[in-house]
Amino acid sequence: MGKIPALGAGTAGSNPVSPTTLFEPARLTESATFSKPDSGRFEMAMQARIYQPAKTAMQSGSAKTRDWVVRFEPKAARHIDPLMGWTSSSDTDQQVKLRFPTREAAVAYCEKHGMDYHVQEPRQRKFKVKSYSDNFRYDAVR
């Protein structure tokens, strides 16, 4: 049986591997190259959606629901990254979210920049009048 050197013992006769030799481009094979999907970024006009966000179900307040939002429609399909397996996209316009105080300001912005847009009208909330005392009414149907 051969002896195993103790930790910290020198390796006098061995050839040390430098960090640059570990990552030589010549070591990559054809199967290791990755291609980025074609997004067609400059071939299409920007498609925008103008809407007024709905109130979240998690809060009772109506903050961030008064402004109008401009979001851009996705131009390219999402793809799975072959290295990590994450879902990604080459279209960065999906990350942009512009807020405007009025619908007319959002429409004017889209027209000024030559974007195709469609306006999604907000739905009116149905307000149901509730009272705590209604829980104890004698004529309530159970």
C-alpha atoms as a PDB file:
ATOM      1  CA  MET A   1       0.000   0.000   0.000  1.00  0.00           C
ATOM      2  CA  GLY A   2       1.202   3.475  -0.842  1.00  0.00           C
ATOM      3  CA  LYS A   3       1.457   6.198   1.688  1.00  0.00           C
ATOM      4  CA  ILE A   4      -0.935   9.121   1.587  1.00  0.00           C
ATOM      5  CA  PRO A   5       0.793  12.435   2.369  1.00  0.00           C
ATOM      6  CA  ALA A   6      -0.447  14.291   5.411  1.00  0.00           C
ATOM      7  CA  LEU A   7      -2.297  17.543   5.047  1.00  0.00           C
ATOM      8  CA  GLY A   8       0.068  20.405   4.465  1.00  0.00           C
ATOM      9  CA  ALA A   9       2.832  18.131   3.218  1.00  0.00           C
ATOM     10  CA  GLY A  10       4.494  19.392   0.064  1.00  0.00           C
ATOM     11  CA  THR A  11       4.142  17.758  -3.309  1.00  0.00           C
ATOM     12  CA  ALA A  12       7.743  18.132  -4.390  1.00  0.00           C
ATOM     13  CA  GLY A  13       7.737  15.894  -7.416  1.00  0.00           C
ATOM     14  CA  SER A  14       4.261  16.676  -8.829  1.00  0.00           C
ATOM     15  CA  ASN A  15       3.315  19.166 -11.468  1.00  0.00           C
ATOM     16  CA  PRO A  16       0.969  21.833 -10.054  1.00  0.00           C
ATOM     17  CA  VAL A  17      -2.040  22.759 -12.178  1.00  0.00           C
ATOM     18  CA  SER A  18      -2.400  26.457 -12.779  1.00  0.00           C
ATOM     19  CA  PRO A  19      -5.894  28.000 -12.834  1.00  0.00           C
ATOM     20  CA  THR A  20      -5.465  29.081 -16.447  1.00  0.00           C
ATOM     21  CA  THR A  21      -5.040  25.534 -17.697  1.00  0.00           C
ATOM     22  CA  LEU A  22      -8.309  24.443 -16.134  1.00  0.00           C
ATOM     23  CA  PHE A  23     -10.437  26.770 -18.261  1.00  0.00           C
ATOM     24  CA  GLU A  24      -8.782  26.643 -21.662  1.00  0.00           C
ATOM     25  CA  PRO A  25     -11.184  27.363 -24.531  1.00  0.00           C
ATOM     26  CA  ALA A  26      -9.708  24.427 -26.464  1.00  0.00           C
ATOM     27  CA  ARG A  27     -11.221  22.025 -23.933  1.00  0.00           C
ATOM     28  CA  LEU A  28     -14.790  22.955 -24.869  1.00  0.00           C
ATOM     29  CA  THR A  29     -16.513  20.536 -27.209  1.00  0.00           C
ATOM     30  CA  GLU A  30     -19.250  21.206 -29.722  1.00  0.00           C
ATOM     31  CA  SER A  31     -21.862  19.965 -27.270  1.00  0.00           C
ATOM     32  CA  ALA A  32     -20.770  22.577 -24.739  1.00  0.00           C
ATOM     33  CA  THR A  33     -21.514  25.585 -26.922  1.00  0.00           C
ATOM     34  CA  PHE A  34     -24.778  27.398 -26.334  1.00  0.00           C
ATOM     35  CA  SER A  35     -26.836  29.329 -28.812  1.00  0.00           C
ATOM     36  CA  LYS A  36     -29.066  32.235 -27.970  1.00  0.00           C
ATOM     37  CA  PRO A  37     -32.509  32.031 -29.565  1.00  0.00           C
ATOM     38  CA  ASP A  38     -33.455  34.629 -32.116  1.00  0.00           C
ATOM     39  CA  SER A  39     -35.743  37.219 -30.566  1.00  0.00           C
ATOM     40  CA  GLY A  40     -36.513  39.291 -33.669  1.00  0.00           C
ATOM     41  CA  ARG A  41     -36.171  42.395 -31.510  1.00  0.00           C
ATOM     42  CA  PHE A  42     -35.979  45.002 -34.268  1.00  0.00           C
ATOM     43  CA  GLU A  43     -38.292  43.333 -36.764  1.00  0.00           C
ATOM     44  CA  MET A  44     -41.553  44.062 -34.917  1.00  0.00           C
ATOM     45  CA  ALA A  45     -43.103  47.242 -33.552  1.00  0.00           C
ATOM     46  CA  MET A  46     -43.446  47.434 -29.792  1.00  0.00           C
ATOM     47  CA  GLN A  47     -46.835  46.234 -28.570  1.00  0.00           C
ATOM     48  CA  ALA A  48     -47.995  47.940 -25.383  1.00  0.00           C
ATOM     49  CA  ARG A  49     -50.885  47.227 -23.040  1.00  0.00           C
ATOM     50  CA  ILE A  50     -52.366  50.119 -21.060  1.00  0.00           C
ATOM     51  CA  TYR A  51     -54.376  49.179 -17.993  1.00  0.00           C
ATOM     52  CA  GLN A  52     -55.294  50.245 -14.493  1.00  0.00           C
ATOM     53  CA  PRO A  53     -54.171  47.591 -11.963  1.00  0.00           C
ATOM     54  CA  ALA A  54     -56.727  45.875  -9.773  1.00  0.00           C
ATOM     55  CA  LYS A  55     -56.644  45.917  -6.003  1.00  0.00           C
ATOM     56  CA  THR A  56     -54.658  43.025  -4.579  1.00  0.00           C
ATOM     57  CA  ALA A  57     -56.499  40.369  -2.634  1.00  0.00           C
ATOM     58  CA  MET A  58     -53.900  40.494   0.136  1.00  0.00           C
ATOM     59  CA  GLN A  59     -54.623  44.037   1.317  1.00  0.00           C
ATOM     60  CA  SER A  60     -57.786  45.999   1.936  1.00  0.00           C
ATOM     61  CA  GLY A  61     -56.271  49.286   0.735  1.00  0.00           C
ATOM     62  CA  SER A  62     -56.384  50.605  -2.792  1.00  0.00           C
ATOM     63  CA  ALA A  63     -52.827  51.909  -3.118  1.00  0.00           C
ATOM     64  CA  LYS A  64     -51.212  51.671  -6.565  1.00  0.00           C
ATOM     65  CA  THR A  65     -54.592  51.199  -8.244  1.00  0.00           C
ATOM     66  CA  ARG A  66     -55.212  54.788  -9.331  1.00  0.00           C
ATOM     67  CA  ASP A  67     -52.321  55.079 -11.794  1.00  0.00           C
ATOM     68  CA  TRP A  68     -52.401  53.741 -15.348  1.00  0.00           C
ATOM     69  CA  VAL A  69     -49.669  51.273 -16.298  1.00  0.00           C
ATOM     70  CA  VAL A  70     -47.982  50.662 -19.645  1.00  0.00           C
ATOM     71  CA  ARG A  71     -46.466  47.178 -20.041  1.00  0.00           C
ATOM     72  CA  PHE A  72     -44.949  45.705 -23.163  1.00  0.00           C
ATOM     73  CA  GLU A  73     -46.155  42.446 -24.662  1.00  0.00           C
ATOM     74  CA  PRO A  74     -43.560  39.669 -24.982  1.00  0.00           C
ATOM     75  CA  LYS A  75     -41.943  39.489 -28.428  1.00  0.00           C
ATOM     76  CA  ALA A  76     -40.158  36.191 -28.007  1.00  0.00           C
ATOM     77  CA  ALA A  77     -41.072  32.981 -26.279  1.00  0.00           C
ATOM     78  CA  ARG A  78     -39.284  32.075 -23.090  1.00  0.00           C
ATOM     79  CA  HIS A  79     -36.714  29.318 -23.262  1.00  0.00           C
ATOM     80  CA  ILE A  80     -34.959  27.050 -20.810  1.00  0.00           C
ATOM     81  CA  ASP A  81     -31.311  27.854 -20.229  1.00  0.00           C
ATOM     82  CA  PRO A  82     -29.318  24.718 -21.074  1.00  0.00           C
ATOM     83  CA  LEU A  83     -26.691  25.309 -18.407  1.00  0.00           C
ATOM     84  CA  MET A  84     -28.781  25.996 -15.296  1.00  0.00           C
ATOM     85  CA  GLY A  85     -32.253  24.967 -16.411  1.00  0.00           C
ATOM     86  CA  TRP A  86     -33.772  28.353 -15.561  1.00  0.00           C
ATOM     87  CA  THR A  87     -36.502  29.850 -17.673  1.00  0.00           C
ATOM     88  CA  SER A  88     -35.246  32.983 -19.369  1.00  0.00           C
ATOM     89  CA  SER A  89     -35.983  35.320 -22.224  1.00  0.00           C
ATOM     90  CA  SER A  90     -33.914  37.546 -24.454  1.00  0.00           C
ATOM     91  CA  ASP A  91     -36.689  40.167 -24.462  1.00  0.00           C
ATOM     92  CA  THR A  92     -35.899  42.741 -21.776  1.00  0.00           C
ATOM     93  CA  ASP A  93     -38.893  44.943 -22.623  1.00  0.00           C
ATOM     94  CA  GLN A  94     -41.077  42.666 -20.482  1.00  0.00           C
ATOM     95  CA  GLN A  95     -39.357  44.053 -17.394  1.00  0.00           C
ATOM     96  CA  VAL A  96     -40.390  47.647 -18.110  1.00  0.00           C
ATOM     97  CA  LYS A  97     -43.427  48.971 -16.251  1.00  0.00           C
ATOM     98  CA  LEU A  98     -44.302  52.647 -16.755  1.00  0.00           C
ATOM     99  CA  ARG A  99     -46.832  54.453 -14.549  1.00  0.00           C
ATOM    100  CA  PHE A 100     -48.905  57.457 -15.603  1.00  0.00           C
ATOM    101  CA  PRO A 101     -51.439  59.518 -13.616  1.00  0.00           C
ATOM    102  CA  THR A 102     -54.090  59.407 -16.392  1.00  0.00           C
ATOM    103  CA  ARG A 103     -55.054  57.180 -19.281  1.00  0.00           C
ATOM    104  CA  GLU A 104     -54.597  60.064 -21.718  1.00  0.00           C
ATOM    105  CA  ALA A 105     -50.973  60.520 -20.592  1.00  0.00           C
ATOM    106  CA  ALA A 106     -50.238  56.831 -21.179  1.00  0.00           C
ATOM    107  CA  VAL A 107     -51.846  56.919 -24.636  1.00  0.00           C
ATOM    108  CA  ALA A 108     -49.934  60.103 -25.515  1.00  0.00           C
ATOM    109  CA  TYR A 109     -46.652  58.434 -24.505  1.00  0.00           C
ATOM    110  CA  CYS A 110     -47.331  55.429 -26.742  1.00  0.00           C
ATOM    111  CA  GLU A 111     -48.325  57.602 -29.689  1.00  0.00           C
ATOM    112  CA  LYS A 112     -45.308  59.867 -29.249  1.00  0.00           C
ATOM    113  CA  HIS A 113     -42.942  56.877 -29.389  1.00  0.00           C
ATOM    114  CA  GLY A 114     -44.765  55.147 -32.275  1.00  0.00           C
ATOM    115  CA  MET A 115     -45.924  52.091 -30.332  1.00  0.00           C
ATOM    116  CA  ASP A 116     -48.930  49.941 -31.070  1.00  0.00           C
ATOM    117  CA  TYR A 117     -51.134  49.823 -27.979  1.00  0.00           C
ATOM    118  CA  HIS A 118     -54.463  48.638 -26.694  1.00  0.00           C
ATOM    119  CA  VAL A 119     -56.297  50.001 -23.685  1.00  0.00           C
ATOM    120  CA  GLN A 120     -57.858  47.612 -21.199  1.00  0.00           C
ATOM    121  CA  GLU A 121     -60.717  49.364 -19.431  1.00  0.00           C
ATOM    122  CA  PRO A 122     -60.886  48.714 -15.674  1.00  0.00           C
ATOM    123  CA  ARG A 123     -63.751  46.689 -14.283  1.00  0.00           C
ATOM    124  CA  GLN A 124     -65.982  48.389 -11.770  1.00  0.00           C
ATOM    125  CA  ARG A 125     -65.933  46.777  -8.364  1.00  0.00           C
ATOM    126  CA  LYS A 126     -69.183  45.511  -6.947  1.00  0.00           C
ATOM    127  CA  PHE A 127     -69.455  47.006  -3.507  1.00  0.00           C
ATOM    128  CA  LYS A 128     -71.464  44.932  -1.075  1.00  0.00           C
ATOM    129  CA  VAL A 129     -72.605  46.836   2.020  1.00  0.00           C
ATOM    130  CA  LYS A 130     -71.696  44.811   5.078  1.00  0.00           C
ATOM    131  CA  SER A 131     -72.194  45.441   8.722  1.00  0.00           C
ATOM    132  CA  TYR A 132     -70.976  43.465  11.705  1.00  0.00           C
ATOM    133  CA  SER A 133     -74.428  43.665  13.270  1.00  0.00           C
ATOM    134  CA  ASP A 134     -75.876  41.804  10.249  1.00  0.00           C
ATOM    135  CA  ASN A 135     -74.262  38.637  11.621  1.00  0.00           C
ATOM    136  CA  PHE A 136     -76.709  38.713  14.545  1.00  0.00           C
ATOM    137  CA  ARG A 137     -79.930  39.715  12.802  1.00  0.00           C
ATOM    138  CA  TYR A 138     -82.919  37.617  13.783  1.00  0.00           C
ATOM    139  CA  ASP A 139     -84.388  37.615  10.263  1.00  0.00           C
ATOM    140  CA  ALA A 140     -81.151  36.497   8.553  1.00  0.00           C
ATOM    141  CA  VAL A 141     -81.417  33.323   6.509  1.00  0.00           C
ATOM    142  CA  ARG A 142     -79.209  30.545   7.834  1.00  0.00           C
END
